[in-house]
Amino acid sequence: MSKHQRQHRVIRLLADHAVVSQEHLVGLLGEEGVVATQATVSRDLDDLGAIKVRVPGGDSVYAIPEHPAERVVPGDQLRRVLGEWVVDVSSSLNLVVLRTPPGSAHVVASALDRAGVEGSIGTVAGDDTLMVVAAEGIAGADLADRLRGLAGL
């Protein structure tokens, strides 16, 4: 297996699992028949720009801050991202504000941008807060309700 193939699997595993350690990732790769050492996984995470973000409950998990522009986030992955990292949703006119644990707003914003949520034209993320701009003719409250539903709030 090439380095790029392995790293592609790492990206998928980080998207599908709450990976708390490099050893955990080595184990998940092993379950898929990919033999990798902790040192290899460490280099892969560094190459991919992975960071640790705190999720509700206090655990820190690995995440890739930005997905490649051509990659579309599937609905199930969007629900998982919002369900794990969005702690509050509020709205005003055509804006929706989402609150996240510190350091993870950009992950949520990237997932929303890549998913192409109907009624959203884009996001702006800070550290623990992101703003979603609703399309013309879409009320922020309606978009907020949709995002709350996806987040399970």
N, C-alpha and C. Protein backbone atom coordinates (compact mmCIF):
# COMPACT_ATOMS: atom_id res chain seq x y z
N MET A 1 0.85 -1.18 0.00
CA MET A 1 0.00 0.00 0.00
C MET A 1 0.89 1.24 0.00
N SER A 2 0.55 2.20 -0.85
CA SER A 2 1.36 3.42 -0.92
C SER A 2 1.05 4.35 0.25
N LYS A 3 1.93 5.30 0.44
CA LYS A 3 1.76 6.30 1.49
C LYS A 3 0.44 7.05 1.28
N HIS A 4 0.14 7.44 0.03
CA HIS A 4 -1.08 8.19 -0.24
C HIS A 4 -2.33 7.35 0.01
N GLN A 5 -2.28 6.08 -0.31
CA GLN A 5 -3.41 5.19 -0.04
C GLN A 5 -3.63 5.06 1.47
N ARG A 6 -2.54 4.90 2.21
CA ARG A 6 -2.64 4.78 3.67
C ARG A 6 -3.20 6.07 4.26
N GLN A 7 -2.69 7.21 3.78
CA GLN A 7 -3.16 8.48 4.31
C GLN A 7 -4.62 8.72 3.97
N HIS A 8 -5.06 8.25 2.82
CA HIS A 8 -6.48 8.35 2.48
C HIS A 8 -7.31 7.56 3.50
N ARG A 9 -6.84 6.39 3.87
CA ARG A 9 -7.54 5.60 4.89
C ARG A 9 -7.53 6.31 6.24
N VAL A 10 -6.40 6.94 6.57
CA VAL A 10 -6.30 7.69 7.83
C VAL A 10 -7.36 8.79 7.85
N ILE A 11 -7.49 9.53 6.75
CA ILE A 11 -8.49 10.60 6.67
C ILE A 11 -9.89 10.03 6.89
N ARG A 12 -10.19 8.92 6.23
CA ARG A 12 -11.51 8.29 6.38
C ARG A 12 -11.75 7.81 7.80
N LEU A 13 -10.73 7.20 8.41
CA LEU A 13 -10.88 6.72 9.78
C LEU A 13 -11.10 7.87 10.76
N LEU A 14 -10.39 8.97 10.56
CA LEU A 14 -10.59 10.13 11.44
C LEU A 14 -11.98 10.71 11.28
N ALA A 15 -12.53 10.63 10.07
CA ALA A 15 -13.88 11.13 9.83
C ALA A 15 -14.94 10.20 10.43
N ASP A 16 -14.66 8.90 10.46
CA ASP A 16 -15.66 7.92 10.90
C ASP A 16 -15.56 7.53 12.37
N HIS A 17 -14.43 7.83 13.02
CA HIS A 17 -14.20 7.39 14.40
C HIS A 17 -13.65 8.53 15.24
N ALA A 18 -13.93 8.50 16.52
CA ALA A 18 -13.32 9.44 17.46
C ALA A 18 -11.98 8.85 17.88
N VAL A 19 -10.93 9.20 17.16
CA VAL A 19 -9.60 8.63 17.37
C VAL A 19 -8.88 9.46 18.43
N VAL A 20 -8.63 8.85 19.59
CA VAL A 20 -8.06 9.59 20.72
C VAL A 20 -6.55 9.50 20.82
N SER A 21 -5.94 8.55 20.11
CA SER A 21 -4.48 8.40 20.21
C SER A 21 -3.93 7.80 18.92
N GLN A 22 -2.63 7.94 18.76
CA GLN A 22 -1.98 7.34 17.60
C GLN A 22 -2.07 5.82 17.67
N GLU A 23 -1.97 5.26 18.86
CA GLU A 23 -2.09 3.81 19.02
C GLU A 23 -3.47 3.33 18.61
N HIS A 24 -4.50 4.12 18.94
CA HIS A 24 -5.86 3.80 18.54
C HIS A 24 -5.95 3.75 17.01
N LEU A 25 -5.33 4.73 16.35
CA LEU A 25 -5.34 4.78 14.89
C LEU A 25 -4.58 3.59 14.29
N VAL A 26 -3.45 3.22 14.88
CA VAL A 26 -2.71 2.04 14.43
C VAL A 26 -3.62 0.81 14.49
N GLY A 27 -4.38 0.69 15.58
CA GLY A 27 -5.31 -0.44 15.72
C GLY A 27 -6.41 -0.43 14.68
N LEU A 28 -6.99 0.74 14.41
CA LEU A 28 -8.05 0.84 13.39
C LEU A 28 -7.51 0.49 12.01
N LEU A 29 -6.29 0.96 11.70
CA LEU A 29 -5.67 0.60 10.43
C LEU A 29 -5.46 -0.91 10.36
N GLY A 30 -4.99 -1.50 11.44
CA GLY A 30 -4.77 -2.94 11.50
C GLY A 30 -6.03 -3.73 11.24
N GLU A 31 -7.17 -3.23 11.76
CA GLU A 31 -8.45 -3.90 11.53
C GLU A 31 -8.81 -3.92 10.04
N GLU A 32 -8.26 -2.96 9.29
CA GLU A 32 -8.49 -2.90 7.85
C GLU A 32 -7.38 -3.58 7.06
N GLY A 33 -6.48 -4.25 7.76
CA GLY A 33 -5.40 -4.96 7.09
C GLY A 33 -4.22 -4.10 6.71
N VAL A 34 -4.14 -2.90 7.28
CA VAL A 34 -3.04 -1.98 6.98
C VAL A 34 -2.05 -2.03 8.14
N VAL A 35 -0.85 -2.49 7.86
CA VAL A 35 0.18 -2.56 8.89
C VAL A 35 0.92 -1.23 8.93
N ALA A 36 0.91 -0.58 10.09
CA ALA A 36 1.59 0.70 10.26
C ALA A 36 2.09 0.79 11.69
N THR A 37 3.21 1.43 11.86
CA THR A 37 3.75 1.64 13.21
C THR A 37 3.25 2.98 13.74
N GLN A 38 3.45 3.18 15.04
CA GLN A 38 3.08 4.46 15.64
C GLN A 38 3.87 5.59 15.00
N ALA A 39 5.13 5.37 14.70
CA ALA A 39 5.96 6.41 14.07
C ALA A 39 5.43 6.77 12.68
N THR A 40 5.00 5.77 11.91
CA THR A 40 4.44 6.03 10.59
C THR A 40 3.15 6.82 10.71
N VAL A 41 2.30 6.43 11.64
CA VAL A 41 1.03 7.13 11.85
C VAL A 41 1.30 8.57 12.29
N SER A 42 2.29 8.76 13.13
CA SER A 42 2.65 10.11 13.58
C SER A 42 3.05 10.99 12.38
N ARG A 43 3.86 10.45 11.48
CA ARG A 43 4.27 11.20 10.29
C ARG A 43 3.07 11.48 9.39
N ASP A 44 2.19 10.47 9.24
CA ASP A 44 1.00 10.67 8.41
C ASP A 44 0.12 11.79 8.98
N LEU A 45 -0.10 11.78 10.28
CA LEU A 45 -0.93 12.81 10.90
C LEU A 45 -0.31 14.19 10.70
N ASP A 46 1.01 14.25 10.81
CA ASP A 46 1.71 15.51 10.59
C ASP A 46 1.58 15.96 9.13
N ASP A 47 1.78 15.04 8.19
CA ASP A 47 1.65 15.36 6.77
C ASP A 47 0.25 15.87 6.42
N LEU A 48 -0.75 15.28 7.06
CA LEU A 48 -2.14 15.63 6.78
C LEU A 48 -2.60 16.88 7.51
N GLY A 49 -1.76 17.39 8.42
CA GLY A 49 -2.12 18.58 9.19
C GLY A 49 -3.15 18.30 10.26
N ALA A 50 -3.21 17.05 10.72
CA ALA A 50 -4.19 16.68 11.74
C ALA A 50 -3.90 17.44 13.03
N ILE A 51 -4.98 17.77 13.71
CA ILE A 51 -4.88 18.44 15.01
C ILE A 51 -5.75 17.68 16.00
N LYS A 52 -5.52 17.93 17.28
CA LYS A 52 -6.39 17.37 18.31
C LYS A 52 -7.38 18.44 18.71
N VAL A 53 -8.65 18.06 18.75
CA VAL A 53 -9.70 18.98 19.19
C VAL A 53 -10.46 18.34 20.33
N ARG A 54 -10.93 19.18 21.23
CA ARG A 54 -11.71 18.69 22.37
C ARG A 54 -13.16 18.54 21.94
N VAL A 55 -13.75 17.40 22.28
CA VAL A 55 -15.15 17.14 21.95
C VAL A 55 -15.96 17.14 23.23
N PRO A 56 -17.28 17.28 23.10
CA PRO A 56 -18.12 17.24 24.31
C PRO A 56 -17.80 15.98 25.12
N GLY A 57 -17.69 16.18 26.41
CA GLY A 57 -17.31 15.09 27.29
C GLY A 57 -15.87 15.20 27.73
N GLY A 58 -15.11 16.09 27.06
CA GLY A 58 -13.74 16.36 27.49
C GLY A 58 -12.64 15.62 26.75
N ASP A 59 -12.99 14.60 25.95
CA ASP A 59 -11.96 13.88 25.22
C ASP A 59 -11.36 14.75 24.12
N SER A 60 -10.10 14.47 23.78
CA SER A 60 -9.46 15.10 22.63
C SER A 60 -9.31 14.05 21.55
N VAL A 61 -9.71 14.41 20.33
CA VAL A 61 -9.64 13.48 19.21
C VAL A 61 -8.92 14.15 18.04
N TYR A 62 -8.35 13.34 17.17
CA TYR A 62 -7.69 13.86 15.98
C TYR A 62 -8.73 14.28 14.94
N ALA A 63 -8.43 15.37 14.24
CA ALA A 63 -9.30 15.85 13.16
C ALA A 63 -8.43 16.50 12.09
N ILE A 64 -8.92 16.46 10.87
CA ILE A 64 -8.28 17.14 9.76
C ILE A 64 -9.04 18.45 9.58
N PRO A 65 -8.38 19.60 9.75
CA PRO A 65 -9.09 20.88 9.72
C PRO A 65 -9.85 21.17 8.43
N GLU A 66 -9.27 20.87 7.30
CA GLU A 66 -9.93 21.18 6.03
C GLU A 66 -9.95 19.94 5.15
N HIS A 67 -11.08 19.72 4.51
CA HIS A 67 -11.18 18.64 3.53
C HIS A 67 -10.76 19.20 2.18
N PRO A 68 -10.22 18.37 1.30
CA PRO A 68 -9.92 18.86 -0.05
C PRO A 68 -11.17 19.48 -0.68
N ALA A 69 -10.99 20.53 -1.45
CA ALA A 69 -12.12 21.27 -2.00
C ALA A 69 -13.06 20.40 -2.83
N GLU A 70 -12.52 19.39 -3.51
CA GLU A 70 -13.37 18.57 -4.37
C GLU A 70 -14.14 17.51 -3.60
N ARG A 71 -13.85 17.33 -2.33
CA ARG A 71 -14.51 16.29 -1.55
C ARG A 71 -15.82 16.81 -0.98
N VAL A 72 -16.88 16.08 -1.19
CA VAL A 72 -18.18 16.43 -0.63
C VAL A 72 -18.39 15.59 0.61
N VAL A 73 -18.82 16.23 1.69
CA VAL A 73 -19.07 15.53 2.94
C VAL A 73 -20.44 14.86 2.86
N PRO A 74 -20.50 13.55 3.03
CA PRO A 74 -21.80 12.86 3.00
C PRO A 74 -22.67 13.27 4.19
N GLY A 75 -23.98 13.12 4.02
CA GLY A 75 -24.93 13.51 5.07
C GLY A 75 -24.68 12.84 6.40
N ASP A 76 -24.34 11.55 6.40
CA ASP A 76 -24.08 10.85 7.66
C ASP A 76 -22.89 11.44 8.38
N GLN A 77 -21.85 11.78 7.63
CA GLN A 77 -20.66 12.36 8.25
C GLN A 77 -20.98 13.75 8.79
N LEU A 78 -21.78 14.53 8.06
CA LEU A 78 -22.17 15.85 8.54
C LEU A 78 -22.94 15.73 9.85
N ARG A 79 -23.88 14.81 9.92
CA ARG A 79 -24.64 14.60 11.16
C ARG A 79 -23.71 14.21 12.30
N ARG A 80 -22.71 13.37 12.02
CA ARG A 80 -21.78 12.96 13.06
C ARG A 80 -20.95 14.16 13.54
N VAL A 81 -20.43 14.95 12.60
CA VAL A 81 -19.62 16.12 12.96
C VAL A 81 -20.45 17.10 13.79
N LEU A 82 -21.65 17.42 13.30
CA LEU A 82 -22.49 18.37 14.04
C LEU A 82 -22.90 17.79 15.39
N GLY A 83 -23.24 16.50 15.41
CA GLY A 83 -23.65 15.87 16.67
C GLY A 83 -22.55 15.84 17.72
N GLU A 84 -21.31 15.70 17.27
CA GLU A 84 -20.19 15.63 18.22
C GLU A 84 -19.70 16.99 18.65
N TRP A 85 -19.75 18.00 17.75
CA TRP A 85 -19.04 19.25 18.03
C TRP A 85 -19.91 20.48 18.19
N VAL A 86 -21.17 20.44 17.80
CA VAL A 86 -22.02 21.62 17.96
C VAL A 86 -22.74 21.53 19.30
N VAL A 87 -22.56 22.57 20.13
CA VAL A 87 -23.17 22.57 21.46
C VAL A 87 -24.33 23.54 21.57
N ASP A 88 -24.43 24.50 20.63
CA ASP A 88 -25.52 25.47 20.68
C ASP A 88 -25.72 26.07 19.29
N VAL A 89 -26.97 26.37 18.96
CA VAL A 89 -27.31 26.99 17.67
C VAL A 89 -28.28 28.14 17.96
N SER A 90 -27.96 29.32 17.42
CA SER A 90 -28.87 30.46 17.54
C SER A 90 -28.91 31.18 16.19
N SER A 91 -29.90 32.08 16.02
CA SER A 91 -30.03 32.74 14.73
C SER A 91 -30.49 34.18 14.89
N SER A 92 -30.28 34.94 13.82
CA SER A 92 -30.73 36.32 13.73
C SER A 92 -30.84 36.67 12.24
N LEU A 93 -32.02 37.07 11.82
CA LEU A 93 -32.28 37.40 10.41
C LEU A 93 -31.78 36.31 9.48
N ASN A 94 -30.70 36.56 8.71
CA ASN A 94 -30.21 35.54 7.77
C ASN A 94 -28.93 34.88 8.27
N LEU A 95 -28.64 34.98 9.56
CA LEU A 95 -27.41 34.42 10.12
C LEU A 95 -27.72 33.34 11.15
N VAL A 96 -26.85 32.35 11.18
CA VAL A 96 -26.93 31.30 12.20
C VAL A 96 -25.57 31.23 12.89
N VAL A 97 -25.58 31.20 14.20
CA VAL A 97 -24.33 31.10 14.96
C VAL A 97 -24.31 29.75 15.66
N LEU A 98 -23.22 29.01 15.43
CA LEU A 98 -23.03 27.71 16.08
C LEU A 98 -21.86 27.82 17.05
N ARG A 99 -22.03 27.26 18.23
CA ARG A 99 -20.97 27.22 19.24
C ARG A 99 -20.43 25.79 19.31
N THR A 100 -19.10 25.70 19.48
CA THR A 100 -18.42 24.41 19.55
C THR A 100 -17.44 24.45 20.72
N PRO A 101 -16.86 23.31 21.07
CA PRO A 101 -15.77 23.33 22.04
C PRO A 101 -14.59 24.12 21.44
N PRO A 102 -13.71 24.64 22.29
CA PRO A 102 -12.56 25.40 21.79
C PRO A 102 -11.76 24.61 20.76
N GLY A 103 -11.39 25.31 19.69
CA GLY A 103 -10.52 24.74 18.68
C GLY A 103 -11.18 23.90 17.62
N SER A 104 -12.52 23.80 17.60
CA SER A 104 -13.15 22.91 16.63
C SER A 104 -14.15 23.58 15.69
N ALA A 105 -14.32 24.88 15.78
CA ALA A 105 -15.28 25.56 14.90
C ALA A 105 -14.90 25.39 13.43
N HIS A 106 -13.61 25.42 13.11
CA HIS A 106 -13.18 25.30 11.72
C HIS A 106 -13.50 23.93 11.14
N VAL A 107 -13.49 22.89 11.95
CA VAL A 107 -13.82 21.55 11.48
C VAL A 107 -15.31 21.49 11.09
N VAL A 108 -16.15 22.07 11.94
CA VAL A 108 -17.59 22.09 11.66
C VAL A 108 -17.86 22.95 10.42
N ALA A 109 -17.21 24.12 10.33
CA ALA A 109 -17.42 25.00 9.19
C ALA A 109 -17.02 24.31 7.88
N SER A 110 -15.89 23.63 7.89
CA SER A 110 -15.44 22.93 6.70
C SER A 110 -16.44 21.85 6.29
N ALA A 111 -16.94 21.09 7.26
CA ALA A 111 -17.93 20.05 6.95
C ALA A 111 -19.20 20.67 6.36
N LEU A 112 -19.66 21.78 6.92
CA LEU A 112 -20.85 22.45 6.39
C LEU A 112 -20.61 22.96 4.97
N ASP A 113 -19.46 23.58 4.75
CA ASP A 113 -19.15 24.08 3.41
C ASP A 113 -19.08 22.96 2.40
N ARG A 114 -18.45 21.85 2.77
CA ARG A 114 -18.28 20.73 1.84
C ARG A 114 -19.59 19.98 1.59
N ALA A 115 -20.50 20.01 2.58
CA ALA A 115 -21.76 19.28 2.43
C ALA A 115 -22.74 20.02 1.53
N GLY A 116 -22.56 21.33 1.39
CA GLY A 116 -23.49 22.09 0.58
C GLY A 116 -24.90 22.07 1.14
N VAL A 117 -25.03 22.40 2.42
CA VAL A 117 -26.33 22.39 3.08
C VAL A 117 -27.27 23.36 2.36
N GLU A 118 -28.43 22.86 1.98
CA GLU A 118 -29.40 23.69 1.27
C GLU A 118 -29.78 24.89 2.13
N GLY A 119 -29.73 26.07 1.53
CA GLY A 119 -30.07 27.28 2.26
C GLY A 119 -28.88 28.00 2.86
N SER A 120 -27.70 27.39 2.81
CA SER A 120 -26.48 28.00 3.33
C SER A 120 -25.60 28.43 2.17
N ILE A 121 -25.07 29.68 2.25
CA ILE A 121 -24.16 30.11 1.19
C ILE A 121 -22.71 30.13 1.63
N GLY A 122 -22.45 29.93 2.93
CA GLY A 122 -21.07 29.88 3.39
C GLY A 122 -20.96 30.05 4.89
N THR A 123 -19.73 29.86 5.36
CA THR A 123 -19.46 29.94 6.79
C THR A 123 -18.22 30.79 7.05
N VAL A 124 -18.14 31.29 8.28
CA VAL A 124 -16.96 31.98 8.78
C VAL A 124 -16.71 31.41 10.17
N ALA A 125 -15.48 30.91 10.40
CA ALA A 125 -15.21 30.23 11.67
C ALA A 125 -14.14 30.94 12.47
N GLY A 126 -14.33 30.96 13.77
CA GLY A 126 -13.32 31.39 14.71
C GLY A 126 -12.81 30.18 15.45
N ASP A 127 -12.52 30.32 16.73
CA ASP A 127 -12.00 29.23 17.54
C ASP A 127 -13.12 28.30 18.00
N ASP A 128 -14.15 28.87 18.63
CA ASP A 128 -15.23 28.06 19.17
C ASP A 128 -16.61 28.52 18.70
N THR A 129 -16.62 29.39 17.70
CA THR A 129 -17.87 29.93 17.18
C THR A 129 -17.78 30.02 15.66
N LEU A 130 -18.88 29.68 14.98
CA LEU A 130 -18.91 29.89 13.55
C LEU A 130 -20.24 30.48 13.15
N MET A 131 -20.21 31.22 12.07
CA MET A 131 -21.40 31.86 11.54
C MET A 131 -21.71 31.22 10.19
N VAL A 132 -22.97 30.90 9.99
CA VAL A 132 -23.45 30.37 8.73
C VAL A 132 -24.37 31.42 8.14
N VAL A 133 -24.14 31.79 6.89
CA VAL A 133 -24.95 32.80 6.21
C VAL A 133 -26.02 32.08 5.39
N ALA A 134 -27.27 32.44 5.65
CA ALA A 134 -28.40 31.84 4.93
C ALA A 134 -28.56 32.52 3.57
N ALA A 135 -28.97 31.76 2.59
CA ALA A 135 -29.21 32.28 1.25
C ALA A 135 -30.38 33.25 1.26
N GLU A 136 -30.41 34.11 0.25
CA GLU A 136 -31.50 35.07 0.13
C GLU A 136 -32.84 34.33 0.11
N GLY A 137 -33.79 34.83 0.89
CA GLY A 137 -35.11 34.23 0.95
C GLY A 137 -35.22 33.11 1.98
N ILE A 138 -34.10 32.75 2.62
CA ILE A 138 -34.11 31.72 3.67
C ILE A 138 -33.93 32.42 5.01
N ALA A 139 -34.82 32.19 5.92
CA ALA A 139 -34.71 32.79 7.25
C ALA A 139 -33.64 32.07 8.05
N GLY A 140 -32.86 32.83 8.79
CA GLY A 140 -31.85 32.24 9.65
C GLY A 140 -32.45 31.25 10.62
N ALA A 141 -33.66 31.55 11.12
CA ALA A 141 -34.33 30.65 12.07
C ALA A 141 -34.62 29.29 11.43
N ASP A 142 -35.03 29.30 10.15
CA ASP A 142 -35.31 28.03 9.46
C ASP A 142 -34.03 27.22 9.25
N LEU A 143 -32.96 27.90 8.84
CA LEU A 143 -31.68 27.20 8.67
C LEU A 143 -31.18 26.70 10.01
N ALA A 144 -31.35 27.50 11.06
CA ALA A 144 -30.93 27.08 12.41
C ALA A 144 -31.68 25.82 12.83
N ASP A 145 -32.99 25.76 12.55
CA ASP A 145 -33.77 24.57 12.88
C ASP A 145 -33.23 23.34 12.16
N ARG A 146 -32.88 23.50 10.87
CA ARG A 146 -32.33 22.39 10.09
C ARG A 146 -31.00 21.91 10.71
N LEU A 147 -30.15 22.87 11.08
CA LEU A 147 -28.85 22.51 11.65
C LEU A 147 -29.00 21.90 13.04
N ARG A 148 -29.95 22.40 13.83
CA ARG A 148 -30.23 21.79 15.13
C ARG A 148 -30.64 20.33 14.96
N GLY A 149 -31.49 20.09 13.97
CA GLY A 149 -31.93 18.71 13.70
C GLY A 149 -30.77 17.81 13.33
N LEU A 150 -29.87 18.31 12.46
CA LEU A 150 -28.70 17.52 12.07
C LEU A 150 -27.78 17.26 13.26
N ALA A 151 -27.73 18.24 14.19
CA ALA A 151 -26.86 18.10 15.37
C ALA A 151 -27.51 17.31 16.49
N GLY A 152 -28.80 17.04 16.36
CA GLY A 152 -29.50 16.30 17.41
C GLY A 152 -29.78 17.16 18.63
N LEU A 153 -29.91 18.45 18.45
CA LEU A 153 -30.18 19.36 19.57
C LEU A 153 -31.66 19.69 19.67
